[in-house]
Protein backbone atom coordinates (compact mmCIF):
# COMPACT_ATOMS: atom_id res chain seq x y z
CA MET A 1 -52.52 -69.66 -64.11
CA ASP A 2 -53.58 -70.67 -60.65
CA LEU A 3 -54.11 -68.37 -57.67
CA HIS A 4 -50.65 -68.76 -55.98
CA LEU A 5 -48.35 -67.99 -59.07
CA ARG A 6 -50.58 -64.98 -59.80
CA SER A 7 -50.13 -63.66 -56.15
CA THR A 8 -46.22 -64.28 -56.40
CA LEU A 9 -45.88 -62.42 -59.58
CA ARG A 10 -47.98 -59.27 -58.26
CA LEU A 11 -45.64 -59.07 -55.09
CA GLY A 12 -42.63 -59.07 -57.43
CA LEU A 13 -43.78 -56.60 -59.65
CA ILE A 14 -44.59 -54.18 -56.57
CA ALA A 15 -41.23 -54.76 -55.26
CA CYS A 16 -39.60 -53.74 -58.66
CA LEU A 17 -41.83 -50.57 -58.84
CA THR A 18 -40.60 -49.69 -55.28
CA THR A 19 -37.32 -50.07 -56.25
CA LEU A 20 -37.45 -48.03 -59.20
CA VAL A 21 -39.17 -45.21 -57.39
CA ALA A 22 -36.34 -45.09 -54.81
CA CYS A 23 -33.89 -44.94 -57.50
CA ALA A 24 -35.67 -42.00 -59.24
CA ALA A 25 -35.79 -40.16 -55.79
CA GLU A 26 -32.03 -40.53 -55.41
CA SER A 27 -31.16 -39.62 -58.85
CA ASP A 28 -29.45 -36.14 -59.87
CA VAL A 29 -32.15 -34.31 -61.54
CA PRO A 30 -30.81 -31.39 -63.70
CA GLY A 31 -31.45 -28.02 -61.88
CA GLY A 32 -31.08 -29.25 -58.48
CA GLY A 33 -34.93 -29.03 -57.93
CA ASP A 34 -38.07 -31.02 -59.02
CA GLU A 35 -38.29 -32.71 -62.23
CA SER A 36 -39.36 -29.55 -64.11
CA GLY A 37 -35.69 -27.95 -63.54
CA ASP A 38 -37.09 -25.28 -61.45
CA PRO A 39 -34.18 -24.32 -58.78
CA THR A 40 -36.54 -23.81 -56.04
CA SER A 41 -39.41 -25.85 -54.62
CA THR A 42 -42.33 -24.62 -52.73
CA SER A 43 -42.72 -25.16 -49.10
CA SER A 44 -45.93 -26.17 -47.38
CA SER A 45 -46.70 -22.38 -46.80
CA GLY A 46 -46.28 -21.47 -50.55
CA ASN A 47 -43.14 -19.49 -50.04
CA PRO A 48 -40.17 -20.23 -52.22
CA THR A 49 -37.33 -21.95 -50.22
CA SER A 50 -33.50 -22.59 -51.22
CA SER A 51 -33.06 -26.10 -52.15
CA GLY A 52 -29.88 -26.03 -50.05
CA GLY A 53 -31.52 -25.42 -46.74
CA PRO A 54 -33.68 -22.69 -44.76
CA THR A 55 -33.85 -19.50 -46.45
CA GLY A 56 -30.94 -16.98 -45.35
CA THR A 57 -28.80 -19.82 -44.05
CA ASN A 58 -25.51 -21.23 -45.40
CA PRO A 59 -25.74 -24.98 -44.37
CA GLY A 60 -22.88 -25.95 -41.95
CA THR A 61 -22.27 -22.47 -40.67
CA PRO A 62 -24.17 -21.82 -37.84
CA GLY A 63 -25.22 -18.14 -37.32
CA SER A 64 -24.09 -17.10 -40.96
CA SER A 65 -26.57 -15.28 -43.21
CA GLY A 66 -27.64 -16.11 -46.52
CA GLY A 67 -25.44 -15.36 -49.58
CA THR A 68 -22.21 -15.98 -47.73
CA ALA A 69 -19.47 -17.23 -50.19
CA GLU A 70 -17.93 -20.36 -49.38
CA ALA A 71 -14.27 -20.26 -47.99
CA PRO A 72 -11.82 -20.63 -50.82
CA ALA A 73 -10.46 -24.39 -51.00
CA PRO A 74 -6.84 -24.87 -50.06
CA GLY A 75 -4.59 -23.57 -52.97
CA ASP A 76 -7.11 -21.29 -54.36
CA PRO A 77 -5.73 -17.71 -54.66
CA THR A 78 -6.95 -15.02 -51.86
CA PRO A 79 -9.33 -12.51 -53.51
CA THR A 80 -7.60 -8.99 -53.90
CA PRO A 81 -9.77 -6.07 -52.10
CA THR A 82 -10.93 -3.23 -54.23
CA PRO A 83 -8.88 -0.32 -53.36
CA THR A 84 -10.62 2.71 -51.99
CA PRO A 85 -10.14 5.67 -54.24
CA PRO A 86 -8.29 8.89 -52.53
CA PRO A 87 -10.56 11.75 -51.80
CA THR A 88 -11.05 14.49 -54.37
CA PRO A 89 -8.95 17.55 -53.33
CA PRO A 90 -10.89 20.67 -53.01
CA ALA A 91 -10.93 23.13 -55.77
CA LEU A 92 -8.43 26.17 -55.38
CA PHE A 93 -8.66 29.62 -56.55
CA THR A 94 -7.88 30.24 -59.93
CA GLY A 95 -8.33 34.12 -60.12
CA THR A 96 -5.66 36.72 -60.27
CA ALA A 97 -5.41 39.94 -57.98
CA THR A 98 -6.26 43.22 -59.80
CA PRO A 99 -4.09 46.19 -58.57
CA GLU A 100 -5.91 49.41 -57.73
CA GLY A 101 -5.36 52.64 -55.59
CA CYS A 102 -2.79 51.99 -52.99
CA ILE A 103 -2.51 48.48 -53.76
CA GLN A 104 -0.04 48.08 -56.72
CA ASN A 105 1.99 45.06 -55.57
CA VAL A 106 -0.30 42.19 -55.48
CA ALA A 107 2.64 39.33 -55.37
CA PRO A 108 2.28 36.98 -52.32
CA GLY A 109 4.26 38.04 -49.52
CA ALA A 110 4.46 40.27 -46.47
CA ARG A 111 4.64 43.94 -46.96
CA ALA A 112 3.58 47.35 -45.99
CA TYR A 113 1.16 49.65 -48.05
CA THR A 114 0.04 53.40 -47.35
CA CYS A 115 -3.67 53.52 -47.66
CA GLU A 116 -6.24 56.05 -46.26
CA GLY A 117 -3.23 57.93 -44.81
CA LEU A 118 -2.33 54.92 -42.62
CA THR A 119 0.54 52.36 -42.61
CA VAL A 120 -0.96 48.82 -43.49
CA ASP A 121 1.12 45.72 -42.83
CA ALA A 122 -0.40 43.03 -45.09
CA THR A 123 0.56 39.23 -45.69
CA ILE A 124 -0.85 37.89 -48.94
CA PRO A 125 -0.56 34.07 -49.24
CA THR A 126 0.00 32.22 -52.67
CA MET A 127 -3.79 32.36 -53.48
CA THR A 128 -3.73 29.73 -56.02
CA GLN A 129 -1.98 27.22 -53.65
CA VAL A 130 -4.11 27.46 -50.29
CA CYS A 131 -7.27 29.71 -51.01
CA PRO A 132 -10.45 27.89 -51.93
CA ALA A 133 -12.15 28.26 -55.18
CA ALA A 134 -14.30 30.96 -53.91
CA GLY A 135 -11.36 33.12 -52.94
CA CYS A 136 -9.25 33.80 -49.86
CA GLY A 137 -10.49 34.85 -46.42
CA LEU A 138 -9.71 38.31 -45.08
CA ILE A 139 -8.85 39.14 -41.45
CA VAL A 140 -8.39 42.59 -40.17
CA LEU A 141 -6.17 42.94 -37.05
CA LEU A 142 -6.72 45.96 -34.80
CA HIS A 143 -3.96 47.08 -32.16
CA GLY A 144 -4.59 49.20 -29.00
CA ASP A 145 -2.95 52.14 -27.39
CA THR A 146 0.79 52.52 -28.14
CA GLY A 147 0.72 49.62 -30.42
CA THR A 148 1.17 49.20 -34.05
CA GLY A 149 -0.08 46.37 -36.68
CA PRO A 150 3.11 44.39 -36.31
CA LEU A 151 3.40 44.63 -32.66
CA MET A 152 -0.16 43.63 -32.34
CA ASP A 153 0.56 40.58 -34.56
CA ALA A 154 3.53 39.56 -32.55
CA HIS A 155 1.03 38.62 -29.54
CA VAL A 156 -1.43 36.56 -31.92
CA ARG A 157 0.66 35.66 -34.89
CA LEU A 158 -2.35 35.68 -37.45
CA ARG A 159 -0.05 36.81 -40.26
CA ASP A 160 1.74 33.28 -40.46
CA ARG A 161 -1.04 31.13 -38.94
CA ALA A 162 -3.86 32.55 -41.17
CA ALA A 163 -2.00 32.82 -44.28
CA ALA A 164 -1.02 29.33 -44.42
CA LYS A 165 -4.86 28.38 -44.23
CA GLY A 166 -5.87 30.65 -46.85
CA TYR A 167 -6.47 34.12 -45.46
CA ILE A 168 -5.10 37.58 -46.32
CA VAL A 169 -4.18 39.41 -42.99
CA VAL A 170 -4.31 43.15 -43.09
CA ALA A 171 -3.16 45.06 -39.86
CA PRO A 172 -3.29 48.64 -40.08
CA THR A 173 -1.45 51.17 -37.72
CA GLY A 174 -3.54 53.90 -36.38
CA PRO A 175 -2.70 57.76 -35.75
CA ALA A 176 0.35 58.43 -33.61
CA VAL A 177 -0.61 58.62 -29.80
CA ALA A 178 1.86 61.90 -29.63
CA VAL A 179 0.24 62.76 -26.05
CA GLN A 180 1.57 62.26 -22.52
CA GLY A 181 4.86 60.77 -23.63
CA TYR A 182 3.38 57.68 -25.15
CA PRO A 183 4.99 55.70 -28.01
CA GLY A 184 3.12 54.02 -30.98
CA SER A 185 -0.42 54.76 -32.16
CA THR A 186 -4.01 54.73 -31.16
CA TRP A 187 -7.51 54.96 -32.75
CA GLU A 188 -9.74 58.21 -32.84
CA PRO A 189 -12.99 59.29 -34.24
CA GLY A 190 -12.82 58.94 -38.29
CA SER A 191 -10.57 55.85 -37.88
CA ASP A 192 -13.40 53.61 -38.15
CA ALA A 193 -14.42 54.68 -41.64
CA LYS A 194 -10.87 54.42 -42.88
CA VAL A 195 -10.64 50.85 -41.43
CA VAL A 196 -13.66 49.97 -43.58
CA ALA A 197 -12.32 51.50 -46.63
CA ILE A 198 -9.20 49.48 -46.31
CA THR A 199 -10.99 46.31 -45.63
CA ARG A 200 -13.27 46.71 -48.87
CA LEU A 201 -10.28 47.76 -50.99
CA PHE A 202 -8.18 44.64 -50.14
CA ALA A 203 -11.51 42.35 -50.37
CA LYS A 204 -11.96 43.96 -53.82
CA VAL A 205 -8.15 43.88 -55.17
CA PHE A 206 -7.45 40.32 -54.09
CA LYS A 207 -11.02 38.89 -54.86
CA ALA A 208 -11.66 37.70 -51.34
CA ASP A 209 -14.46 35.36 -50.42
CA PRO A 210 -17.29 37.83 -48.87
CA LYS A 211 -18.34 35.16 -46.62
CA ARG A 212 -14.95 34.96 -44.78
CA ILE A 213 -14.20 38.64 -44.04
CA HIS A 214 -13.35 39.01 -40.14
CA ALA A 215 -12.26 41.53 -37.54
CA THR A 216 -10.34 41.20 -34.33
CA GLY A 217 -8.47 43.62 -32.05
CA PHE A 218 -7.57 44.22 -28.47
CA SER A 219 -8.05 46.97 -25.93
CA ARG A 220 -8.92 50.29 -28.02
CA GLY A 221 -8.46 47.86 -30.94
CA GLY A 222 -11.24 45.73 -29.41
CA LYS A 223 -13.73 48.65 -28.93
CA LEU A 224 -13.08 49.40 -32.73
CA THR A 225 -14.01 45.86 -33.35
CA TRP A 226 -17.06 46.12 -31.19
CA ARG A 227 -18.15 49.05 -33.55
CA LEU A 228 -17.77 47.28 -36.62
CA ALA A 229 -19.85 44.48 -35.31
CA CYS A 230 -22.84 46.80 -34.75
CA ASP A 231 -22.18 49.08 -37.92
CA GLN A 232 -20.82 46.83 -40.46
CA SER A 233 -22.35 43.36 -39.79
CA GLU A 234 -23.04 42.80 -43.45
CA LEU A 235 -19.38 43.18 -44.21
CA PHE A 236 -17.83 41.22 -41.35
CA ALA A 237 -18.91 37.43 -41.04
CA SER A 238 -17.73 37.46 -37.50
CA VAL A 239 -15.72 39.41 -35.11
CA ALA A 240 -13.50 38.88 -32.15
CA PRO A 241 -12.86 41.79 -29.67
CA GLY A 242 -10.59 41.50 -26.64
CA GLY A 243 -10.07 43.49 -23.62
CA ALA A 244 -12.91 45.98 -24.62
CA GLY A 245 -15.91 47.12 -22.96
CA ASN A 246 -18.65 49.88 -22.37
CA ALA A 247 -17.73 53.18 -21.30
CA GLY A 248 -14.43 55.24 -21.27
CA THR A 249 -13.01 57.96 -23.32
CA TRP A 250 -10.77 58.44 -26.35
CA LEU A 251 -7.19 58.64 -25.55
CA LYS A 252 -6.36 62.00 -27.15
CA ILE A 253 -9.73 63.84 -26.70
CA ASN A 254 -11.88 63.86 -23.69
CA GLN A 255 -15.04 62.50 -25.22
CA THR A 256 -16.89 59.28 -24.50
CA GLU A 257 -15.83 56.56 -26.84
CA PRO A 258 -18.81 54.61 -28.29
CA THR A 259 -19.06 50.96 -28.41
CA CYS A 260 -21.61 48.64 -29.72
CA PHE A 261 -25.29 48.14 -28.16
CA THR A 262 -24.95 51.72 -26.89
CA ALA A 263 -26.82 54.74 -28.31
CA GLY A 264 -29.24 52.53 -30.53
CA ARG A 265 -26.30 50.69 -31.97
CA SER A 266 -27.24 47.18 -32.85
CA PRO A 267 -25.83 44.73 -35.69
CA THR A 268 -28.49 44.20 -38.63
CA ARG A 269 -27.20 40.58 -38.94
CA LYS A 270 -26.63 38.93 -35.59
CA LEU A 271 -23.04 37.96 -36.55
CA PRO A 272 -21.16 35.44 -34.39
CA ILE A 273 -18.87 37.12 -31.57
CA LEU A 274 -15.78 35.80 -29.66
CA PHE A 275 -14.88 37.83 -26.54
CA LEU A 276 -11.86 37.90 -24.41
CA MET A 277 -12.35 39.24 -20.90
CA GLY A 278 -9.66 39.61 -17.93
CA ARG A 279 -11.14 39.52 -14.40
CA THR A 280 -8.68 41.88 -12.95
CA ASP A 281 -8.26 44.10 -15.88
CA VAL A 282 -7.43 47.56 -14.72
CA PRO A 283 -7.52 49.97 -18.01
CA ILE A 284 -10.77 48.18 -18.86
CA PRO A 285 -12.64 47.39 -15.80
CA TYR A 286 -14.14 43.91 -15.89
CA SER A 287 -17.61 45.31 -14.96
CA THR A 288 -17.73 47.08 -18.32
CA MET A 289 -16.87 43.95 -20.31
CA VAL A 290 -19.80 41.92 -18.37
CA SER A 291 -22.01 44.94 -19.32
CA ILE A 292 -21.19 44.68 -23.06
CA ARG A 293 -21.44 40.98 -23.37
CA ASN A 294 -24.77 41.09 -21.42
CA ALA A 295 -26.06 43.77 -23.80
CA ALA A 296 -24.88 41.60 -26.80
CA MET A 297 -26.96 38.77 -25.40
CA ALA A 298 -30.09 40.78 -24.88
CA ASP A 299 -29.89 42.24 -28.29
CA TYR A 300 -29.56 38.82 -29.64
CA GLY A 301 -32.56 37.64 -27.70
CA ILE A 302 -30.59 35.14 -25.50
CA ALA A 303 -31.37 34.66 -21.81
CA GLN A 304 -28.79 34.30 -19.45
CA GLY A 305 -29.33 30.77 -18.77
CA GLN A 306 -29.09 29.70 -22.55
CA VAL A 307 -25.42 29.15 -22.05
CA ASP A 308 -23.05 26.03 -22.22
CA THR A 309 -20.04 26.08 -19.98
CA LEU A 310 -16.96 24.56 -21.88
CA THR A 311 -14.28 25.06 -19.47
CA ASN A 312 -14.59 25.96 -15.81
CA THR A 313 -11.13 26.29 -13.76
CA PRO A 314 -9.77 28.76 -11.27
CA GLN A 315 -7.94 30.32 -14.20
CA VAL A 316 -10.33 29.88 -17.09
CA LEU A 317 -14.24 30.09 -17.46
CA ARG A 318 -15.33 29.37 -21.41
CA GLN A 319 -18.78 29.56 -22.24
CA ARG A 320 -21.02 29.84 -25.34
CA THR A 321 -24.73 30.60 -26.03
CA ASN A 322 -26.92 27.80 -27.21
CA LYS A 323 -30.18 29.34 -28.20
CA PRO A 324 -31.31 27.76 -31.28
CA GLY A 325 -31.43 30.21 -34.34
CA ALA A 326 -29.71 33.05 -32.53
CA GLY A 327 -26.34 34.56 -33.17
CA LEU A 328 -23.59 32.85 -31.49
CA ILE A 329 -21.67 34.57 -28.67
CA GLU A 330 -18.89 32.81 -27.03
CA TRP A 331 -16.29 34.29 -24.56
CA PHE A 332 -13.10 33.41 -22.58
CA ASP A 333 -12.89 34.97 -18.79
CA HIS A 334 -9.69 34.42 -17.33
CA THR A 335 -7.56 35.68 -14.28
CA TYR A 336 -4.14 35.76 -16.01
CA GLU A 337 -2.20 38.98 -15.60
CA ILE A 338 0.62 40.88 -17.00
CA SER A 339 4.12 41.00 -15.44
CA THR A 340 4.48 43.64 -12.91
CA THR A 341 8.02 44.36 -14.39
CA ASN A 342 6.33 45.48 -17.73
CA PRO A 343 7.75 48.89 -18.42
CA LEU A 344 4.57 50.34 -19.75
CA PHE A 345 1.68 48.63 -18.45
CA THR A 346 2.80 47.94 -14.84
CA GLY A 347 -0.63 48.26 -13.15
CA ALA A 348 -2.65 46.60 -16.05
CA LYS A 349 -2.90 43.16 -14.34
CA GLY A 350 -5.53 41.25 -16.15
CA HIS A 351 -5.28 43.52 -19.43
CA CYS A 352 -3.34 41.10 -21.45
CA ILE A 353 -3.32 38.41 -24.17
CA PRO A 354 -3.17 34.72 -23.06
CA GLY A 355 -0.77 32.72 -25.21
CA SER A 356 1.38 35.62 -26.44
CA PRO A 357 5.05 34.58 -26.71
CA VAL A 358 6.18 38.37 -26.59
CA PRO A 359 8.75 38.60 -23.60
CA ALA A 360 7.47 40.85 -20.82
CA ASN A 361 10.64 42.99 -21.02
CA ALA A 362 10.15 43.54 -24.65
CA GLY A 363 9.27 47.26 -24.32
CA GLN A 364 6.50 48.77 -26.26
CA TYR A 365 3.07 47.17 -26.30
CA THR A 366 4.21 44.13 -24.09
CA LEU A 367 0.77 42.91 -23.28
CA ALA A 368 1.63 39.19 -22.78
CA CYS A 369 -0.17 37.19 -20.00
CA LEU A 370 2.30 35.55 -17.62
CA GLY A 371 2.29 31.89 -18.40
CA PRO A 372 1.49 29.08 -18.48
CA ASN A 373 -1.55 29.72 -19.98
CA ALA A 374 -4.30 27.36 -20.64
CA PHE A 375 -5.26 28.70 -24.10
CA ASP A 376 -3.84 30.73 -27.05
CA TRP A 377 -5.86 33.58 -27.92
CA GLY A 378 -4.46 34.09 -31.32
CA ALA A 379 -5.21 30.32 -32.25
CA GLU A 380 -8.50 30.35 -30.85
CA VAL A 381 -9.53 33.51 -32.86
CA LEU A 382 -8.50 31.81 -35.87
CA ALA A 383 -10.31 28.51 -35.27
CA PHE A 384 -13.38 30.78 -34.43
CA PHE A 385 -13.26 32.53 -37.76
CA GLU A 386 -12.80 29.27 -39.41
CA ARG A 387 -16.03 27.98 -37.79
CA THR A 388 -18.07 31.10 -38.63
CA PRO A 389 -18.21 32.04 -42.23
CA LYS A 390 -21.18 33.94 -43.42
CA PRO A 391 -24.25 31.29 -44.33
């Protein structure tokens, strides 16, 4: 074969092989990758890359991330989202009350009992419907001079408000005043032990949650509440005294009435305290309330500067201590005053209960502040108790 023919054949063979290689490169190799069928190929850096394009990018969709599903083709059904299951309702109380002593009627409802020689108005919720599994909370409500349990509740409305939130509300009425022509009742030496006994019995009979037992009171009932804070801090989770400070004497006997943080009194557990102070209060001078608040802060190891201001208007100053690890003390300092037409407390001025719906001319124990008021003391007390169970 001559040299020219041999060169022609060689060129033809090369062209044929080139065509075959190109065809093989364009063919659809099973597995979408190299000839071995591996779905990934290896980049020059040695890292696996998706055969469809750069790792983490959906080709043709700028800025999208890897793994993004393609949009359904026209006519395809729209995917149905998986429904979110509803939250599991909290477990409710399943126990039953056990009658004992002066508490024989344990049915839900409002009624009066006679315990420790005192009339005790109480509201019992339907425990299996509103009380948590650990048991109902318990709130003790204490009136001041000339008041009664129901009259005090008319100002703060805890029996209705708190029962709906899973609390038993107990409002005892103290011994009759019976001096100076005053109506109603008061508190006197020896009353504290009776209030504690009543609290413990109601908690036992209705199997109350020991972490949610609280006390609140106004005026002389507020002073009793201060003493409960110091003397019974392991029984009560938190307290809310109002219109009550240091100094003063009992109404019926000429003896100094003790309060908390005096004569060596101090809570063994630094329980949370909510306090109501009237700046122009006459029966309980404002200076005595500042004194007991400052004594509480000192006992809790809280400096005067360790305070947050929550509200500051000409009518209301609301502040709260902020020392980490220390007991909480919060107060409302207000300038509201009682009606000057009040038949019994004409000169009481700031000795009043903000948010009370009791009319100024209602008669006995009419201690409502003239409105409008920027806060409702009864509502604030309940909200505070809800926030401050025992740890």
